[in-house]
């Protein structure tokens, strides 16, 4: 149970830190952190948790990462479901804590977005379903490539959390305008359940695309990362 509790806490921190920065701090008058700050916040959640719980659970914090690691031969299939359940529950609990905090401000309206992921009318930049689909698949694919490469036994030891954290930051810098950046079904679910309506209606994309991208990333790394010529 320790590994599942670690995944719960790690995903809780990712959603509270990442989505919390977007909801509470991104547009704070005059001194808001903006998109750069939100991107960095997501990267820092993974970086800090990788050092805190990486040695306990592997610090997946993301159903797509768990699936990708399984597809890459790094994770047993019999632990996939409990990992994913722990991650989603952690994300939803974090969404609840963030909702309690955010709703303490007069005029708060959860339907305005609450850092939920979306496409079309609910994309920050008005990007289409196809653009969102391609973005989420490619970004998650590259995320898995970095994760598998950085945690390879042949890679420099002890630096994987830095590479993975900065990769997630870069992913957000690229794709926040497109979908608000998911690459993580648990992160998307954790806030979508509180927004309801359109966020739940569009949630399917933010499960499908990251998982497809993660599997692609794993397959590609198995091809290029093999010790054999």
Protein backbone atom coordinates (compact mmCIF):
# COMPACT_ATOMS: atom_id res chain seq x y z
CA UNK A 1 0.00 0.00 0.00
CA UNK A 2 2.94 2.34 0.49
CA UNK A 3 3.58 2.64 -3.23
CA UNK A 4 -0.07 3.45 -3.94
CA UNK A 5 -0.15 6.03 -1.15
CA UNK A 6 3.00 7.56 -2.63
CA UNK A 7 1.33 7.81 -6.05
CA UNK A 8 -1.77 9.34 -4.43
CA UNK A 9 0.30 12.00 -2.65
CA UNK A 10 2.50 12.69 -5.65
CA UNK A 11 -0.43 13.20 -8.01
CA UNK A 12 -2.17 15.29 -5.35
CA UNK A 13 0.88 17.58 -5.31
CA UNK A 14 1.07 17.75 -9.10
CA UNK A 15 -2.55 18.87 -9.45
CA UNK A 16 -2.51 21.20 -6.46
CA UNK A 17 0.78 22.78 -7.48
CA UNK A 18 0.25 22.91 -11.23
CA UNK A 19 -3.45 23.65 -11.48
CA UNK A 20 -3.29 25.74 -8.32
CA UNK A 21 -0.71 28.01 -9.91
CA UNK A 22 -2.99 28.45 -12.93
CA UNK A 23 -6.15 29.11 -10.92
CA UNK A 24 -4.72 31.22 -8.09
CA UNK A 25 -1.54 32.89 -9.31
CA UNK A 26 -1.38 33.06 -13.11
CA UNK A 27 -3.40 36.22 -13.57
CA UNK A 28 -3.01 37.82 -10.15
CA UNK A 29 -3.12 41.59 -10.76
CA UNK A 30 0.24 43.17 -11.60
CA UNK A 31 2.37 40.36 -10.18
CA UNK A 32 0.79 37.23 -11.68
CA UNK A 33 3.13 34.44 -12.75
CA UNK A 34 1.61 34.03 -16.25
CA UNK A 35 1.99 31.05 -18.57
CA UNK A 36 5.72 30.78 -17.89
CA UNK A 37 5.09 30.50 -14.17
CA UNK A 38 2.38 27.86 -14.62
CA UNK A 39 4.64 25.82 -16.90
CA UNK A 40 7.43 26.00 -14.34
CA UNK A 41 5.05 25.07 -11.52
CA UNK A 42 4.04 21.84 -13.25
CA UNK A 43 7.68 20.98 -13.86
CA UNK A 44 8.59 21.70 -10.25
CA UNK A 45 5.87 19.43 -8.91
CA UNK A 46 7.31 16.50 -10.83
CA UNK A 47 10.90 17.43 -10.01
CA UNK A 48 10.26 17.70 -6.27
CA UNK A 49 8.14 14.55 -6.08
CA UNK A 50 10.60 12.53 -8.16
CA UNK A 51 13.19 13.11 -5.46
CA UNK A 52 10.64 12.60 -2.66
CA UNK A 53 8.91 9.40 -3.80
CA UNK A 54 10.79 8.17 -6.88
CA UNK A 55 12.52 5.53 -4.78
CA UNK A 56 9.17 4.38 -3.36
CA UNK A 57 6.79 4.17 -6.32
CA UNK A 58 8.77 5.38 -9.31
CA UNK A 59 6.83 8.66 -9.22
CA UNK A 60 4.57 8.09 -12.23
CA UNK A 61 1.83 10.56 -11.14
CA UNK A 62 0.12 9.96 -14.47
CA UNK A 63 -1.90 7.05 -15.93
CA UNK A 64 -0.34 7.65 -19.35
CA UNK A 65 3.16 7.38 -17.87
CA UNK A 66 2.24 4.13 -16.11
CA UNK A 67 0.86 2.71 -19.38
CA UNK A 68 3.91 3.94 -21.27
CA UNK A 69 6.31 2.37 -18.78
CA UNK A 70 4.39 -0.89 -19.10
CA UNK A 71 4.60 -0.68 -22.90
CA UNK A 72 8.30 0.05 -22.55
CA UNK A 73 8.86 -3.08 -20.48
CA UNK A 74 9.59 -1.17 -17.29
CA UNK A 75 6.38 -1.79 -15.31
CA UNK A 76 4.28 -4.89 -14.52
CA UNK A 77 0.75 -5.08 -15.94
CA UNK A 78 -0.73 -6.29 -12.65
CA UNK A 79 0.05 -2.94 -10.99
CA UNK A 80 -1.42 -0.73 -13.70
CA UNK A 81 -4.98 -0.53 -12.37
CA UNK A 82 -4.12 0.22 -8.71
CA UNK A 83 -1.58 2.83 -9.81
CA UNK A 84 -4.14 4.53 -12.05
CA UNK A 85 -6.80 4.46 -9.32
CA UNK A 86 -4.38 6.01 -6.80
CA UNK A 87 -3.39 8.71 -9.29
CA UNK A 88 -6.97 9.65 -10.20
CA UNK A 89 -8.11 9.72 -6.58
CA UNK A 90 -5.13 11.90 -5.64
CA UNK A 91 -5.94 14.27 -8.50
CA UNK A 92 -9.62 14.56 -7.55
CA UNK A 93 -8.79 15.19 -3.88
CA UNK A 94 -6.36 17.92 -4.96
CA UNK A 95 -9.08 19.38 -7.18
CA UNK A 96 -11.36 19.47 -4.16
CA UNK A 97 -8.78 21.23 -2.00
CA UNK A 98 -8.15 23.74 -4.77
CA UNK A 99 -11.88 24.31 -5.18
CA UNK A 100 -12.25 25.09 -1.45
CA UNK A 101 -9.36 27.57 -1.62
CA UNK A 102 -10.41 29.22 -4.90
CA UNK A 103 -14.05 29.54 -3.88
CA UNK A 104 -12.96 31.65 -0.91
CA UNK A 105 -12.63 34.60 -3.28
CA UNK A 106 -15.71 36.70 -4.07
CA UNK A 107 -16.89 36.24 -7.63
CA UNK A 108 -15.27 32.84 -8.13
CA UNK A 109 -16.87 30.94 -11.01
CA UNK A 110 -15.77 27.35 -11.53
CA UNK A 111 -17.40 27.28 -14.98
CA UNK A 112 -14.83 29.87 -16.16
CA UNK A 113 -12.33 27.05 -16.52
CA UNK A 114 -10.67 26.01 -13.26
CA UNK A 115 -7.57 24.99 -15.27
CA UNK A 116 -9.59 22.33 -17.10
CA UNK A 117 -8.38 21.03 -20.43
CA UNK A 118 -10.41 21.66 -23.57
CA UNK A 119 -10.53 22.10 -27.31
CA UNK A 120 -12.58 24.24 -29.69
CA UNK A 121 -14.43 26.91 -27.75
CA UNK A 122 -12.75 25.69 -24.55
CA UNK A 123 -9.19 25.80 -25.86
CA UNK A 124 -7.34 28.86 -24.47
CA UNK A 125 -6.33 29.78 -28.02
CA UNK A 126 -9.42 28.44 -29.80
CA UNK A 127 -7.61 25.41 -31.28
CA UNK A 128 -9.60 22.65 -33.01
CA UNK A 129 -10.21 19.07 -31.90
CA UNK A 130 -7.61 17.83 -34.40
CA UNK A 131 -5.00 20.31 -33.19
CA UNK A 132 -5.66 19.29 -29.59
CA UNK A 133 -5.47 15.59 -30.45
CA UNK A 134 -2.16 15.93 -32.30
CA UNK A 135 -0.69 18.19 -29.61
CA UNK A 136 -1.53 15.83 -26.75
CA UNK A 137 -0.31 12.73 -28.60
CA UNK A 138 3.00 14.28 -29.66
CA UNK A 139 3.70 15.99 -26.33
CA UNK A 140 3.05 12.79 -24.36
CA UNK A 141 5.11 10.77 -26.82
CA UNK A 142 8.09 13.07 -26.26
CA UNK A 143 7.50 13.02 -22.50
CA UNK A 144 7.79 9.22 -22.47
CA UNK A 145 10.90 9.33 -24.62
CA UNK A 146 12.54 11.62 -22.08
CA UNK A 147 11.33 9.57 -19.10
CA UNK A 148 12.54 6.27 -20.54
CA UNK A 149 15.83 7.77 -21.68
CA UNK A 150 16.57 9.66 -18.47
CA UNK A 151 15.83 6.60 -16.30
CA UNK A 152 17.82 4.20 -18.48
CA UNK A 153 20.63 2.50 -16.55
CA UNK A 154 23.10 3.91 -19.09
CA UNK A 155 22.00 7.52 -18.44
CA UNK A 156 23.72 9.81 -15.90
CA UNK A 157 22.54 8.69 -12.50
CA UNK A 158 20.60 11.00 -10.20
CA UNK A 159 19.68 13.53 -12.87
CA UNK A 160 16.50 11.94 -14.21
CA UNK A 161 14.14 14.11 -12.09
CA UNK A 162 15.74 17.27 -13.48
CA UNK A 163 15.38 16.15 -17.08
CA UNK A 164 11.80 14.97 -16.57
CA UNK A 165 10.75 18.10 -14.66
CA UNK A 166 12.18 20.42 -17.29
CA UNK A 167 10.63 18.33 -20.06
CA UNK A 168 7.19 18.81 -18.50
CA UNK A 169 7.88 22.53 -18.19
CA UNK A 170 8.78 22.70 -21.88
CA UNK A 171 5.67 20.75 -22.83
CA UNK A 172 3.53 23.30 -20.99
CA UNK A 173 5.36 26.21 -22.59
CA UNK A 174 4.44 24.80 -25.98
CA UNK A 175 0.90 23.57 -25.47
CA UNK A 176 -0.90 25.60 -22.79
CA UNK A 177 -2.47 27.78 -25.53
CA UNK A 178 -3.74 24.68 -27.33
CA UNK A 179 -5.38 22.58 -24.59
CA UNK A 180 -4.24 24.05 -21.27
CA UNK A 181 -1.85 21.07 -21.46
CA UNK A 182 -2.90 17.71 -20.13
CA UNK A 183 -0.50 14.89 -21.12
CA UNK A 184 -1.97 13.39 -17.94
CA UNK A 185 -5.48 11.90 -17.70
CA UNK A 186 -5.49 12.12 -13.89
CA UNK A 187 -4.63 15.84 -13.94
CA UNK A 188 -7.47 16.42 -16.42
CA UNK A 189 -9.97 14.40 -14.40
CA UNK A 190 -9.03 16.04 -11.11
CA UNK A 191 -10.39 19.42 -12.17
CA UNK A 192 -12.96 18.33 -14.78
CA UNK A 193 -15.17 16.70 -12.15
CA UNK A 194 -15.60 20.08 -10.46
CA UNK A 195 -16.22 22.02 -13.67
CA UNK A 196 -18.64 19.38 -14.98
CA UNK A 197 -20.55 20.17 -18.19
CA UNK A 198 -18.14 20.78 -21.10
CA UNK A 199 -15.04 19.66 -19.18
CA UNK A 200 -16.48 16.20 -18.61
CA UNK A 201 -17.84 16.05 -22.16
CA UNK A 202 -14.35 16.70 -23.56
CA UNK A 203 -12.47 14.59 -21.00
CA UNK A 204 -12.35 11.55 -23.32
CA UNK A 205 -9.70 13.27 -25.46
CA UNK A 206 -7.44 13.81 -22.47
CA UNK A 207 -7.52 10.11 -21.66
CA UNK A 208 -7.23 8.81 -25.21
CA UNK A 209 -4.53 11.10 -26.64
CA UNK A 210 -2.02 10.90 -23.74
CA UNK A 211 -2.28 7.10 -23.57
CA UNK A 212 -1.80 6.76 -27.33
CA UNK A 213 1.14 9.16 -27.18
CA UNK A 214 2.69 7.30 -24.25
CA UNK A 215 2.51 3.96 -26.05
CA UNK A 216 4.06 5.52 -29.17
CA UNK A 217 6.87 7.01 -27.07
CA UNK A 218 7.53 3.64 -25.45
CA UNK A 219 7.60 1.82 -28.78
CA UNK A 220 9.98 4.38 -30.27
CA UNK A 221 12.32 4.23 -27.28
CA UNK A 222 12.41 0.44 -27.43
CA UNK A 223 13.55 0.80 -31.05
CA UNK A 224 16.21 3.47 -30.52
CA UNK A 225 17.23 2.71 -26.95
CA UNK A 226 18.01 -0.97 -27.34
CA UNK A 227 21.56 -1.90 -26.37
CA UNK A 228 21.72 -4.02 -29.51
CA UNK A 229 22.64 -2.49 -32.89
